[in-house]
C-alpha atoms as a PDB file:
ATOM      1  CA  UNK A   1     -82.796 -84.573  14.176  1.00  0.00           C
ATOM      2  CA  UNK A   2     -81.317 -86.605  16.978  1.00  0.00           C
ATOM      3  CA  UNK A   3     -80.370 -85.523  20.488  1.00  0.00           C
ATOM      4  CA  UNK A   4     -77.427 -86.304  22.718  1.00  0.00           C
ATOM      5  CA  UNK A   5     -76.575 -85.877  26.387  1.00  0.00           C
ATOM      6  CA  UNK A   6     -74.244 -87.272  29.022  1.00  0.00           C
ATOM      7  CA  UNK A   7     -76.416 -89.673  31.001  1.00  0.00           C
ATOM      8  CA  UNK A   8     -74.074 -89.378  33.988  1.00  0.00           C
ATOM      9  CA  UNK A   9     -74.742 -85.653  34.398  1.00  0.00           C
ATOM     10  CA  UNK A  10     -77.796 -83.739  35.588  1.00  0.00           C
ATOM     11  CA  UNK A  11     -79.725 -81.703  32.982  1.00  0.00           C
ATOM     12  CA  UNK A  12     -81.132 -78.435  34.393  1.00  0.00           C
ATOM     13  CA  UNK A  13     -84.023 -78.235  31.904  1.00  0.00           C
ATOM     14  CA  UNK A  14     -86.918 -80.663  32.202  1.00  0.00           C
ATOM     15  CA  UNK A  15     -87.274 -83.287  29.445  1.00  0.00           C
ATOM     16  CA  UNK A  16     -90.425 -81.685  28.111  1.00  0.00           C
ATOM     17  CA  UNK A  17     -88.413 -78.544  27.300  1.00  0.00           C
ATOM     18  CA  UNK A  18     -85.108 -80.057  26.307  1.00  0.00           C
ATOM     19  CA  UNK A  19     -84.532 -83.446  24.649  1.00  0.00           C
ATOM     20  CA  UNK A  20     -80.798 -83.001  24.560  1.00  0.00           C
ATOM     21  CA  UNK A  21     -78.134 -81.319  22.387  1.00  0.00           C
ATOM     22  CA  UNK A  22     -79.299 -81.583  18.737  1.00  0.00           C
ATOM     23  CA  UNK A  23     -77.327 -83.355  16.002  1.00  0.00           C
ATOM     24  CA  UNK A  24     -78.042 -83.713  12.292  1.00  0.00           C
ATOM     25  CA  UNK A  25     -78.526 -86.937  10.381  1.00  0.00           C
ATOM     26  CA  UNK A  26     -74.761 -87.387  10.186  1.00  0.00           C
ATOM     27  CA  UNK A  27     -74.365 -87.048  13.962  1.00  0.00           C
ATOM     28  CA  UNK A  28     -72.810 -83.592  13.769  1.00  0.00           C
ATOM     29  CA  UNK A  29     -73.805 -81.029  16.385  1.00  0.00           C
ATOM     30  CA  UNK A  30     -76.005 -78.073  15.345  1.00  0.00           C
ATOM     31  CA  UNK A  31     -76.927 -74.783  16.962  1.00  0.00           C
ATOM     32  CA  UNK A  32     -80.396 -75.060  18.448  1.00  0.00           C
ATOM     33  CA  UNK A  33     -81.454 -71.578  17.365  1.00  0.00           C
ATOM     34  CA  UNK A  34     -79.388 -70.664  14.296  1.00  0.00           C
ATOM     35  CA  UNK A  35     -78.056 -73.087  11.704  1.00  0.00           C
ATOM     36  CA  UNK A  36     -74.340 -72.744  10.997  1.00  0.00           C
ATOM     37  CA  UNK A  37     -74.315 -72.417   7.222  1.00  0.00           C
ATOM     38  CA  UNK A  38     -71.005 -70.860   6.228  1.00  0.00           C
ATOM     39  CA  UNK A  39     -70.007 -72.201   2.824  1.00  0.00           C
ATOM     40  CA  UNK A  40     -66.669 -72.165   1.058  1.00  0.00           C
ATOM     41  CA  UNK A  41     -68.128 -69.617  -1.344  1.00  0.00           C
ATOM     42  CA  UNK A  42     -68.707 -67.255   1.607  1.00  0.00           C
ATOM     43  CA  UNK A  43     -65.076 -67.570   2.692  1.00  0.00           C
ATOM     44  CA  UNK A  44     -63.951 -66.920  -0.875  1.00  0.00           C
ATOM     45  CA  UNK A  45     -66.246 -63.896  -1.104  1.00  0.00           C
ATOM     46  CA  UNK A  46     -64.769 -62.490   2.115  1.00  0.00           C
ATOM     47  CA  UNK A  47     -61.183 -62.933   0.953  1.00  0.00           C
ATOM     48  CA  UNK A  48     -61.789 -61.731  -2.612  1.00  0.00           C
ATOM     49  CA  UNK A  49     -63.726 -58.607  -1.580  1.00  0.00           C
ATOM     50  CA  UNK A  50     -60.784 -57.102   0.257  1.00  0.00           C
ATOM     51  CA  UNK A  51     -60.622 -55.215   3.536  1.00  0.00           C
ATOM     52  CA  UNK A  52     -61.665 -51.547   3.481  1.00  0.00           C
ATOM     53  CA  UNK A  53     -59.678 -51.053   6.722  1.00  0.00           C
ATOM     54  CA  UNK A  54     -56.506 -52.743   5.481  1.00  0.00           C
ATOM     55  CA  UNK A  55     -54.292 -49.615   5.734  1.00  0.00           C
ATOM     56  CA  UNK A  56     -55.703 -48.686   9.130  1.00  0.00           C
ATOM     57  CA  UNK A  57     -55.162 -52.245  10.301  1.00  0.00           C
ATOM     58  CA  UNK A  58     -51.570 -52.251   9.112  1.00  0.00           C
ATOM     59  CA  UNK A  59     -50.726 -49.048  10.953  1.00  0.00           C
ATOM     60  CA  UNK A  60     -52.488 -50.026  14.194  1.00  0.00           C
ATOM     61  CA  UNK A  61     -49.769 -51.167  16.606  1.00  0.00           C
ATOM     62  CA  UNK A  62     -51.817 -51.030  19.804  1.00  0.00           C
ATOM     63  CA  UNK A  63     -51.565 -53.949  22.217  1.00  0.00           C
ATOM     64  CA  UNK A  64     -53.029 -54.430  25.719  1.00  0.00           C
ATOM     65  CA  UNK A  65     -50.980 -53.252  28.659  1.00  0.00           C
ATOM     66  CA  UNK A  66     -49.596 -55.950  30.944  1.00  0.00           C
ATOM     67  CA  UNK A  67     -49.976 -55.290  34.650  1.00  0.00           C
ATOM     68  CA  UNK A  68     -46.801 -55.769  36.723  1.00  0.00           C
ATOM     69  CA  UNK A  69     -48.500 -56.748  39.958  1.00  0.00           C
ATOM     70  CA  UNK A  70     -49.370 -60.461  40.061  1.00  0.00           C
ATOM     71  CA  UNK A  71     -50.141 -60.738  43.794  1.00  0.00           C
ATOM     72  CA  UNK A  72     -53.298 -62.647  42.906  1.00  0.00           C
ATOM     73  CA  UNK A  73     -51.100 -65.680  42.305  1.00  0.00           C
ATOM     74  CA  UNK A  74     -50.150 -65.749  45.968  1.00  0.00           C
ATOM     75  CA  UNK A  75     -53.314 -64.843  47.893  1.00  0.00           C
ATOM     76  CA  UNK A  76     -56.704 -66.493  48.418  1.00  0.00           C
ATOM     77  CA  UNK A  77     -58.993 -63.671  47.307  1.00  0.00           C
ATOM     78  CA  UNK A  78     -61.858 -64.187  44.863  1.00  0.00           C
ATOM     79  CA  UNK A  79     -60.735 -62.706  41.541  1.00  0.00           C
ATOM     80  CA  UNK A  80     -61.002 -62.739  37.760  1.00  0.00           C
ATOM     81  CA  UNK A  81     -57.761 -62.234  35.820  1.00  0.00           C
ATOM     82  CA  UNK A  82     -57.552 -61.845  32.034  1.00  0.00           C
ATOM     83  CA  UNK A  83     -54.351 -63.470  30.839  1.00  0.00           C
ATOM     84  CA  UNK A  84     -54.805 -63.018  27.083  1.00  0.00           C
ATOM     85  CA  UNK A  85     -57.374 -63.768  24.357  1.00  0.00           C
ATOM     86  CA  UNK A  86     -59.868 -66.125  26.075  1.00  0.00           C
ATOM     87  CA  UNK A  87     -57.584 -67.374  28.825  1.00  0.00           C
ATOM     88  CA  UNK A  88     -58.629 -66.371  32.357  1.00  0.00           C
ATOM     89  CA  UNK A  89     -57.585 -67.321  35.881  1.00  0.00           C
ATOM     90  CA  UNK A  90     -60.591 -67.306  38.213  1.00  0.00           C
ATOM     91  CA  UNK A  91     -60.537 -67.932  41.948  1.00  0.00           C
ATOM     92  CA  UNK A  92     -63.969 -68.535  43.418  1.00  0.00           C
ATOM     93  CA  UNK A  93     -64.631 -69.966  46.898  1.00  0.00           C
ATOM     94  CA  UNK A  94     -61.046 -71.201  47.101  1.00  0.00           C
ATOM     95  CA  UNK A  95     -61.493 -73.023  43.814  1.00  0.00           C
ATOM     96  CA  UNK A  96     -58.918 -72.116  41.154  1.00  0.00           C
ATOM     97  CA  UNK A  97     -60.088 -72.187  37.548  1.00  0.00           C
ATOM     98  CA  UNK A  98     -58.460 -71.601  34.158  1.00  0.00           C
ATOM     99  CA  UNK A  99     -60.300 -71.158  30.817  1.00  0.00           C
ATOM    100  CA  UNK A 100     -59.109 -71.976  27.277  1.00  0.00           C
ATOM    101  CA  UNK A 101     -55.328 -71.851  27.863  1.00  0.00           C
ATOM    102  CA  UNK A 102     -53.241 -70.700  24.881  1.00  0.00           C
ATOM    103  CA  UNK A 103     -49.750 -69.768  25.974  1.00  0.00           C
ATOM    104  CA  UNK A 104     -47.872 -69.140  22.728  1.00  0.00           C
ATOM    105  CA  UNK A 105     -48.277 -68.663  18.991  1.00  0.00           C
ATOM    106  CA  UNK A 106     -50.816 -70.737  17.078  1.00  0.00           C
ATOM    107  CA  UNK A 107     -48.410 -71.376  14.199  1.00  0.00           C
ATOM    108  CA  UNK A 108     -45.495 -69.715  12.340  1.00  0.00           C
ATOM    109  CA  UNK A 109     -48.148 -67.753  10.402  1.00  0.00           C
ATOM    110  CA  UNK A 110     -50.475 -66.982  13.357  1.00  0.00           C
ATOM    111  CA  UNK A 111     -48.335 -65.274  15.945  1.00  0.00           C
ATOM    112  CA  UNK A 112     -49.445 -63.392  19.051  1.00  0.00           C
ATOM    113  CA  UNK A 113     -49.714 -59.629  18.826  1.00  0.00           C
ATOM    114  CA  UNK A 114     -49.234 -59.479  22.597  1.00  0.00           C
ATOM    115  CA  UNK A 115     -47.286 -62.048  24.684  1.00  0.00           C
ATOM    116  CA  UNK A 116     -48.921 -64.308  27.221  1.00  0.00           C
ATOM    117  CA  UNK A 117     -49.021 -62.122  30.293  1.00  0.00           C
ATOM    118  CA  UNK A 118     -47.336 -64.391  32.870  1.00  0.00           C
ATOM    119  CA  UNK A 119     -45.071 -67.410  32.918  1.00  0.00           C
ATOM    120  CA  UNK A 120     -47.590 -70.231  32.329  1.00  0.00           C
ATOM    121  CA  UNK A 121     -45.630 -72.484  34.646  1.00  0.00           C
ATOM    122  CA  UNK A 122     -46.937 -70.333  37.509  1.00  0.00           C
ATOM    123  CA  UNK A 123     -50.446 -71.732  36.908  1.00  0.00           C
ATOM    124  CA  UNK A 124     -50.345 -74.568  39.380  1.00  0.00           C
ATOM    125  CA  UNK A 125     -52.792 -76.134  41.837  1.00  0.00           C
ATOM    126  CA  UNK A 126     -55.612 -75.412  39.383  1.00  0.00           C
ATOM    127  CA  UNK A 127     -58.778 -77.276  40.333  1.00  0.00           C
ATOM    128  CA  UNK A 128     -60.788 -76.923  37.131  1.00  0.00           C
ATOM    129  CA  UNK A 129     -59.848 -76.375  33.489  1.00  0.00           C
ATOM    130  CA  UNK A 130     -62.730 -75.168  31.274  1.00  0.00           C
ATOM    131  CA  UNK A 131     -62.464 -75.802  27.522  1.00  0.00           C
ATOM    132  CA  UNK A 132     -65.141 -74.101  25.474  1.00  0.00           C
ATOM    133  CA  UNK A 133     -64.462 -75.688  22.042  1.00  0.00           C
ATOM    134  CA  UNK A 134     -61.876 -77.148  19.735  1.00  0.00           C
ATOM    135  CA  UNK A 135     -60.750 -74.170  17.616  1.00  0.00           C
ATOM    136  CA  UNK A 136     -56.992 -73.733  17.771  1.00  0.00           C
ATOM    137  CA  UNK A 137     -57.132 -70.310  19.443  1.00  0.00           C
ATOM    138  CA  UNK A 138     -58.970 -71.975  22.360  1.00  0.00           C
ATOM    139  CA  UNK A 139     -57.669 -75.558  22.322  1.00  0.00           C
ATOM    140  CA  UNK A 140     -53.923 -75.560  21.783  1.00  0.00           C
ATOM    141  CA  UNK A 141     -52.072 -78.858  22.069  1.00  0.00           C
ATOM    142  CA  UNK A 142     -48.718 -77.587  23.487  1.00  0.00           C
ATOM    143  CA  UNK A 143     -50.536 -75.411  25.999  1.00  0.00           C
ATOM    144  CA  UNK A 144     -52.852 -78.238  27.125  1.00  0.00           C
ATOM    145  CA  UNK A 145     -49.923 -80.590  27.537  1.00  0.00           C
ATOM    146  CA  UNK A 146     -47.936 -78.026  29.496  1.00  0.00           C
ATOM    147  CA  UNK A 147     -50.963 -77.286  31.670  1.00  0.00           C
ATOM    148  CA  UNK A 148     -51.728 -80.916  32.592  1.00  0.00           C
ATOM    149  CA  UNK A 149     -48.066 -81.606  33.267  1.00  0.00           C
ATOM    150  CA  UNK A 150     -48.170 -78.841  35.876  1.00  0.00           C
ATOM    151  CA  UNK A 151     -51.690 -79.789  37.097  1.00  0.00           C
ATOM    152  CA  UNK A 152     -52.051 -83.569  37.016  1.00  0.00           C
ATOM    153  CA  UNK A 153     -54.975 -83.455  39.495  1.00  0.00           C
ATOM    154  CA  UNK A 154     -56.924 -80.761  37.662  1.00  0.00           C
ATOM    155  CA  UNK A 155     -60.372 -81.781  36.351  1.00  0.00           C
ATOM    156  CA  UNK A 156     -61.151 -80.879  32.760  1.00  0.00           C
ATOM    157  CA  UNK A 157     -64.683 -79.741  31.917  1.00  0.00           C
ATOM    158  CA  UNK A 158     -65.782 -79.475  28.307  1.00  0.00           C
ATOM    159  CA  UNK A 159     -68.371 -80.455  25.648  1.00  0.00           C
ATOM    160  CA  UNK A 160     -69.468 -83.784  24.243  1.00  0.00           C
ATOM    161  CA  UNK A 161     -66.813 -85.692  22.243  1.00  0.00           C
ATOM    162  CA  UNK A 162     -64.001 -83.309  23.174  1.00  0.00           C
ATOM    163  CA  UNK A 163     -62.504 -86.232  25.067  1.00  0.00           C
ATOM    164  CA  UNK A 164     -61.610 -87.885  21.770  1.00  0.00           C
ATOM    165  CA  UNK A 165     -58.973 -85.340  20.883  1.00  0.00           C
ATOM    166  CA  UNK A 166     -57.785 -84.752  24.473  1.00  0.00           C
ATOM    167  CA  UNK A 167     -57.121 -88.445  25.063  1.00  0.00           C
ATOM    168  CA  UNK A 168     -55.166 -88.555  21.798  1.00  0.00           C
ATOM    169  CA  UNK A 169     -52.927 -85.959  23.297  1.00  0.00           C
ATOM    170  CA  UNK A 170     -52.271 -88.280  26.247  1.00  0.00           C
ATOM    171  CA  UNK A 171     -54.239 -86.238  28.743  1.00  0.00           C
ATOM    172  CA  UNK A 172     -54.709 -88.466  31.787  1.00  0.00           C
ATOM    173  CA  UNK A 173     -56.644 -86.049  33.997  1.00  0.00           C
ATOM    174  CA  UNK A 174     -60.218 -86.587  35.099  1.00  0.00           C
ATOM    175  CA  UNK A 175     -62.340 -85.370  32.188  1.00  0.00           C
ATOM    176  CA  UNK A 176     -66.059 -84.637  32.066  1.00  0.00           C
ATOM    177  CA  UNK A 177     -67.914 -83.919  28.798  1.00  0.00           C
ATOM    178  CA  UNK A 178     -71.363 -82.370  28.923  1.00  0.00           C
ATOM    179  CA  UNK A 179     -74.227 -81.560  26.611  1.00  0.00           C
ATOM    180  CA  UNK A 180     -75.880 -78.162  26.771  1.00  0.00           C
ATOM    181  CA  UNK A 181     -77.818 -77.349  29.979  1.00  0.00           C
ATOM    182  CA  UNK A 182     -75.942 -79.977  31.961  1.00  0.00           C
ATOM    183  CA  UNK A 183     -74.291 -79.640  35.346  1.00  0.00           C
ATOM    184  CA  UNK A 184     -70.838 -81.087  35.939  1.00  0.00           C
ATOM    185  CA  UNK A 185     -69.950 -83.180  38.990  1.00  0.00           C
ATOM    186  CA  UNK A 186     -67.787 -80.700  40.940  1.00  0.00           C
ATOM    187  CA  UNK A 187     -68.621 -81.805  44.503  1.00  0.00           C
ATOM    188  CA  UNK A 188     -64.837 -81.854  45.240  1.00  0.00           C
ATOM    189  CA  UNK A 189     -64.833 -78.068  44.807  1.00  0.00           C
ATOM    190  CA  UNK A 190     -66.944 -75.266  46.229  1.00  0.00           C
ATOM    191  CA  UNK A 191     -68.302 -74.181  42.817  1.00  0.00           C
ATOM    192  CA  UNK A 192     -71.164 -75.417  40.680  1.00  0.00           C
ATOM    193  CA  UNK A 193     -70.399 -75.441  36.928  1.00  0.00           C
ATOM    194  CA  UNK A 194     -72.954 -75.660  34.085  1.00  0.00           C
ATOM    195  CA  UNK A 195     -72.388 -76.104  30.344  1.00  0.00           C
ATOM    196  CA  UNK A 196     -74.683 -73.936  28.265  1.00  0.00           C
ATOM    197  CA  UNK A 197     -75.263 -73.163  24.579  1.00  0.00           C
ATOM    198  CA  UNK A 198     -73.170 -70.844  22.434  1.00  0.00           C
ATOM    199  CA  UNK A 199     -73.846 -69.825  18.844  1.00  0.00           C
ATOM    200  CA  UNK A 200     -70.715 -71.171  17.195  1.00  0.00           C
ATOM    201  CA  UNK A 201     -69.217 -74.298  15.520  1.00  0.00           C
ATOM    202  CA  UNK A 202     -66.209 -76.585  15.745  1.00  0.00           C
ATOM    203  CA  UNK A 203     -63.480 -77.911  13.480  1.00  0.00           C
ATOM    204  CA  UNK A 204     -59.739 -78.657  13.541  1.00  0.00           C
ATOM    205  CA  UNK A 205     -59.261 -80.471  10.206  1.00  0.00           C
ATOM    206  CA  UNK A 206     -60.935 -80.770   6.824  1.00  0.00           C
ATOM    207  CA  UNK A 207     -63.529 -83.421   7.677  1.00  0.00           C
ATOM    208  CA  UNK A 208     -64.417 -82.980  11.364  1.00  0.00           C
ATOM    209  CA  UNK A 209     -66.746 -79.945  11.204  1.00  0.00           C
ATOM    210  CA  UNK A 210     -69.100 -79.878  14.240  1.00  0.00           C
ATOM    211  CA  UNK A 211     -68.061 -83.310  15.470  1.00  0.00           C
ATOM    212  CA  UNK A 212     -67.193 -81.876  18.880  1.00  0.00           C
ATOM    213  CA  UNK A 213     -69.540 -79.745  20.935  1.00  0.00           C
ATOM    214  CA  UNK A 214     -68.915 -76.070  21.693  1.00  0.00           C
ATOM    215  CA  UNK A 215     -70.501 -74.078  24.500  1.00  0.00           C
ATOM    216  CA  UNK A 216     -70.362 -71.610  27.362  1.00  0.00           C
ATOM    217  CA  UNK A 217     -69.998 -71.973  31.158  1.00  0.00           C
ATOM    218  CA  UNK A 218     -71.878 -70.688  34.218  1.00  0.00           C
ATOM    219  CA  UNK A 219     -69.956 -70.736  37.514  1.00  0.00           C
ATOM    220  CA  UNK A 220     -72.115 -70.464  40.634  1.00  0.00           C
ATOM    221  CA  UNK A 221     -71.683 -70.191  44.395  1.00  0.00           C
ATOM    222  CA  UNK A 222     -74.107 -69.024  47.082  1.00  0.00           C
ATOM    223  CA  UNK A 223     -72.933 -65.473  46.513  1.00  0.00           C
ATOM    224  CA  UNK A 224     -71.507 -65.154  42.997  1.00  0.00           C
ATOM    225  CA  UNK A 225     -72.417 -66.082  39.410  1.00  0.00           C
ATOM    226  CA  UNK A 226     -69.939 -65.773  36.559  1.00  0.00           C
ATOM    227  CA  UNK A 227     -70.840 -66.440  32.932  1.00  0.00           C
ATOM    228  CA  UNK A 228     -68.058 -67.231  30.428  1.00  0.00           C
ATOM    229  CA  UNK A 229     -69.454 -67.068  26.891  1.00  0.00           C
ATOM    230  CA  UNK A 230     -66.781 -68.967  24.943  1.00  0.00           C
ATOM    231  CA  UNK A 231     -66.942 -67.985  21.292  1.00  0.00           C
ATOM    232  CA  UNK A 232     -70.472 -66.985  20.298  1.00  0.00           C
ATOM    233  CA  UNK A 233     -72.584 -64.965  17.986  1.00  0.00           C
ATOM    234  CA  UNK A 234     -75.519 -62.971  19.374  1.00  0.00           C
ATOM    235  CA  UNK A 235     -78.650 -64.979  20.221  1.00  0.00           C
ATOM    236  CA  UNK A 236     -81.416 -65.520  22.751  1.00  0.00           C
ATOM    237  CA  UNK A 237     -79.220 -68.000  24.669  1.00  0.00           C
ATOM    238  CA  UNK A 238     -77.463 -65.025  26.235  1.00  0.00           C
ATOM    239  CA  UNK A 239     -80.582 -63.467  27.753  1.00  0.00           C
ATOM    240  CA  UNK A 240     -81.700 -66.946  28.792  1.00  0.00           C
ATOM    241  CA  UNK A 241     -78.768 -67.121  31.259  1.00  0.00           C
ATOM    242  CA  UNK A 242     -80.566 -64.692  33.550  1.00  0.00           C
ATOM    243  CA  UNK A 243     -83.876 -66.493  33.065  1.00  0.00           C
ATOM    244  CA  UNK A 244     -82.305 -69.723  34.244  1.00  0.00           C
ATOM    245  CA  UNK A 245     -79.914 -68.518  36.923  1.00  0.00           C
ATOM    246  CA  UNK A 246     -81.035 -65.081  38.045  1.00  0.00           C
ATOM    247  CA  UNK A 247     -78.670 -62.164  38.515  1.00  0.00           C
ATOM    248  CA  UNK A 248     -75.275 -62.551  36.827  1.00  0.00           C
ATOM    249  CA  UNK A 249     -72.441 -60.791  38.617  1.00  0.00           C
ATOM    250  CA  UNK A 250     -69.767 -61.023  35.883  1.00  0.00           C
ATOM    251  CA  UNK A 251     -70.454 -61.539  32.154  1.00  0.00           C
ATOM    252  CA  UNK A 252     -67.198 -62.491  30.373  1.00  0.00           C
ATOM    253  CA  UNK A 253     -67.675 -62.196  26.620  1.00  0.00           C
ATOM    254  CA  UNK A 254     -65.708 -61.820  23.401  1.00  0.00           C
ATOM    255  CA  UNK A 255     -65.607 -58.518  21.523  1.00  0.00           C
ATOM    256  CA  UNK A 256     -63.099 -59.209  18.735  1.00  0.00           C
ATOM    257  CA  UNK A 257     -62.920 -61.013  15.395  1.00  0.00           C
ATOM    258  CA  UNK A 258     -66.277 -59.633  14.283  1.00  0.00           C
ATOM    259  CA  UNK A 259     -65.616 -58.071  10.834  1.00  0.00           C
ATOM    260  CA  UNK A 260     -66.853 -58.295   8.204  1.00  0.00           C
ATOM    261  CA  UNK A 261     -70.054 -58.549  10.236  1.00  0.00           C
ATOM    262  CA  UNK A 262     -72.063 -60.118   7.390  1.00  0.00           C
ATOM    263  CA  UNK A 263     -69.674 -63.072   7.584  1.00  0.00           C
ATOM    264  CA  UNK A 264     -68.615 -63.150  11.241  1.00  0.00           C
ATOM    265  CA  UNK A 265     -71.847 -62.346  13.108  1.00  0.00           C
ATOM    266  CA  UNK A 266     -72.955 -65.977  13.211  1.00  0.00           C
ATOM    267  CA  UNK A 267     -69.990 -67.036  15.336  1.00  0.00           C
ATOM    268  CA  UNK A 268     -68.275 -63.953  16.824  1.00  0.00           C
ATOM    269  CA  UNK A 269     -70.266 -61.231  18.567  1.00  0.00           C
ATOM    270  CA  UNK A 270     -69.497 -57.537  18.020  1.00  0.00           C
ATOM    271  CA  UNK A 271     -68.722 -55.156  20.920  1.00  0.00           C
ATOM    272  CA  UNK A 272     -72.072 -53.430  20.397  1.00  0.00           C
ATOM    273  CA  UNK A 273     -74.055 -56.659  20.465  1.00  0.00           C
ATOM    274  CA  UNK A 274     -72.018 -58.044  23.401  1.00  0.00           C
ATOM    275  CA  UNK A 275     -73.076 -54.967  25.423  1.00  0.00           C
ATOM    276  CA  UNK A 276     -76.639 -55.385  24.195  1.00  0.00           C
ATOM    277  CA  UNK A 277     -76.552 -58.936  25.548  1.00  0.00           C
ATOM    278  CA  UNK A 278     -75.089 -57.738  28.859  1.00  0.00           C
ATOM    279  CA  UNK A 279     -77.974 -55.247  29.151  1.00  0.00           C
ATOM    280  CA  UNK A 280     -80.575 -57.935  28.356  1.00  0.00           C
ATOM    281  CA  UNK A 281     -78.906 -60.270  30.825  1.00  0.00           C
ATOM    282  CA  UNK A 282     -78.834 -57.386  33.357  1.00  0.00           C
ATOM    283  CA  UNK A 283     -75.281 -58.438  34.231  1.00  0.00           C
ATOM    284  CA  UNK A 284     -73.752 -56.348  36.979  1.00  0.00           C
ATOM    285  CA  UNK A 285     -70.305 -56.254  35.346  1.00  0.00           C
ATOM    286  CA  UNK A 286     -69.091 -56.861  31.804  1.00  0.00           C
ATOM    287  CA  UNK A 287     -65.567 -58.186  31.184  1.00  0.00           C
ATOM    288  CA  UNK A 288     -64.318 -58.294  27.546  1.00  0.00           C
ATOM    289  CA  UNK A 289     -62.066 -60.943  26.031  1.00  0.00           C
ATOM    290  CA  UNK A 290     -61.067 -62.378  22.622  1.00  0.00           C
ATOM    291  CA  UNK A 291     -59.270 -59.252  21.406  1.00  0.00           C
ATOM    292  CA  UNK A 292     -55.760 -57.820  21.269  1.00  0.00           C
ATOM    293  CA  UNK A 293     -54.024 -61.195  20.794  1.00  0.00           C
ATOM    294  CA  UNK A 294     -54.543 -62.892  17.423  1.00  0.00           C
ATOM    295  CA  UNK A 295     -55.331 -61.448  13.994  1.00  0.00           C
ATOM    296  CA  UNK A 296     -58.456 -63.410  13.073  1.00  0.00           C
ATOM    297  CA  UNK A 297     -60.548 -60.932  11.084  1.00  0.00           C
ATOM    298  CA  UNK A 298     -60.730 -57.577   9.295  1.00  0.00           C
ATOM    299  CA  UNK A 299     -60.960 -55.018  12.058  1.00  0.00           C
ATOM    300  CA  UNK A 300     -57.791 -53.236  13.357  1.00  0.00           C
ATOM    301  CA  UNK A 301     -56.485 -54.636  16.631  1.00  0.00           C
ATOM    302  CA  UNK A 302     -57.518 -51.653  18.759  1.00  0.00           C
ATOM    303  CA  UNK A 303     -61.021 -51.260  17.304  1.00  0.00           C
ATOM    304  CA  UNK A 304     -62.906 -53.675  19.593  1.00  0.00           C
ATOM    305  CA  UNK A 305     -61.842 -51.849  22.788  1.00  0.00           C
ATOM    306  CA  UNK A 306     -62.538 -48.451  21.185  1.00  0.00           C
ATOM    307  CA  UNK A 307     -66.022 -49.603  20.199  1.00  0.00           C
ATOM    308  CA  UNK A 308     -66.548 -50.957  23.694  1.00  0.00           C
ATOM    309  CA  UNK A 309     -65.785 -47.535  25.160  1.00  0.00           C
ATOM    310  CA  UNK A 310     -68.176 -45.831  22.729  1.00  0.00           C
ATOM    311  CA  UNK A 311     -71.093 -48.176  23.258  1.00  0.00           C
ATOM    312  CA  UNK A 312     -70.392 -48.919  26.922  1.00  0.00           C
ATOM    313  CA  UNK A 313     -71.713 -45.631  28.189  1.00  0.00           C
ATOM    314  CA  UNK A 314     -75.048 -45.166  29.940  1.00  0.00           C
ATOM    315  CA  UNK A 315     -75.688 -48.892  30.347  1.00  0.00           C
ATOM    316  CA  UNK A 316     -76.967 -50.797  33.360  1.00  0.00           C
ATOM    317  CA  UNK A 317     -73.910 -52.999  33.331  1.00  0.00           C
ATOM    318  CA  UNK A 318     -70.541 -51.810  34.665  1.00  0.00           C
ATOM    319  CA  UNK A 319     -68.008 -52.184  31.855  1.00  0.00           C
ATOM    320  CA  UNK A 320     -64.612 -53.300  33.142  1.00  0.00           C
ATOM    321  CA  UNK A 321     -61.501 -53.124  30.953  1.00  0.00           C
ATOM    322  CA  UNK A 322     -58.678 -54.654  32.979  1.00  0.00           C
ATOM    323  CA  UNK A 323     -55.077 -54.819  31.813  1.00  0.00           C
ATOM    324  CA  UNK A 324     -53.578 -58.190  31.103  1.00  0.00           C
ATOM    325  CA  UNK A 325     -52.739 -60.002  34.374  1.00  0.00           C
ATOM    326  CA  UNK A 326     -54.651 -57.366  36.389  1.00  0.00           C
ATOM    327  CA  UNK A 327     -56.973 -58.892  39.019  1.00  0.00           C
ATOM    328  CA  UNK A 328     -60.605 -57.968  39.372  1.00  0.00           C
ATOM    329  CA  UNK A 329     -61.263 -58.634  43.037  1.00  0.00           C
ATOM    330  CA  UNK A 330     -64.704 -59.269  44.422  1.00  0.00           C
END
């Protein structure tokens, strides 16, 4: 086992507790708590077994409602706005932030079930772009190129070795790549940003599995802490966020693409386990994402939000279910 870090960034854990982000003997990143061990045979088993909810899925035409009021684009209030899938607009201390922008379809075969909720060209004067990992539903070349064209001064924050693919796409913006438990240099903004673990993996082609680091983000000011999980399975890294940073005001986490659970649990958390993590984290508010946009797994499109409503009762955390493009002000 070898360990990697960005020597130009501060690591929040002391060296006796954290040597750096682990890699295997081939230099590929590995989860520090759970090995990612999905084999081709597992994928074949999933596809051959069939989907018990196939008919229900076919008849489920639900899609998220799109809010018509986009005043958040034109004011200076702190807010969190879900734009679709894992794309958010966040304004915090006059710092404007976007996460994992995907504006259109992923391919001719992977089309959106719900449209992107605003004209993406309205996303301008963005200070920070957070990119959690390299999967195509989070890192989309046309969307990235459109974003940086509209935001040439935006700083991109992401994981180790993600710069390789972004520079290939002719991204000229300032770009910082971090290992887990590292703090980005964001002194030009009024927000501290940390890159933290996620239980996931990375790949875009046939031979690049886990060559680029995946992760989550913690945004912090004197008054507010927001945790954006990226894609993740359930693990102790979620509860650890509170141990490291104290009270979390907003926990943004995926709830979709979790079935069949025997196959998906290692990289996509279920609604029930996402709420369990929110409780363990003692987050004040829970904001769901990663549902209602792309067909990535076996559950019907409306199931994640239905499950959230069922399991979201009588919890310490306040479960928020905003419409697309609807601002959560704070």
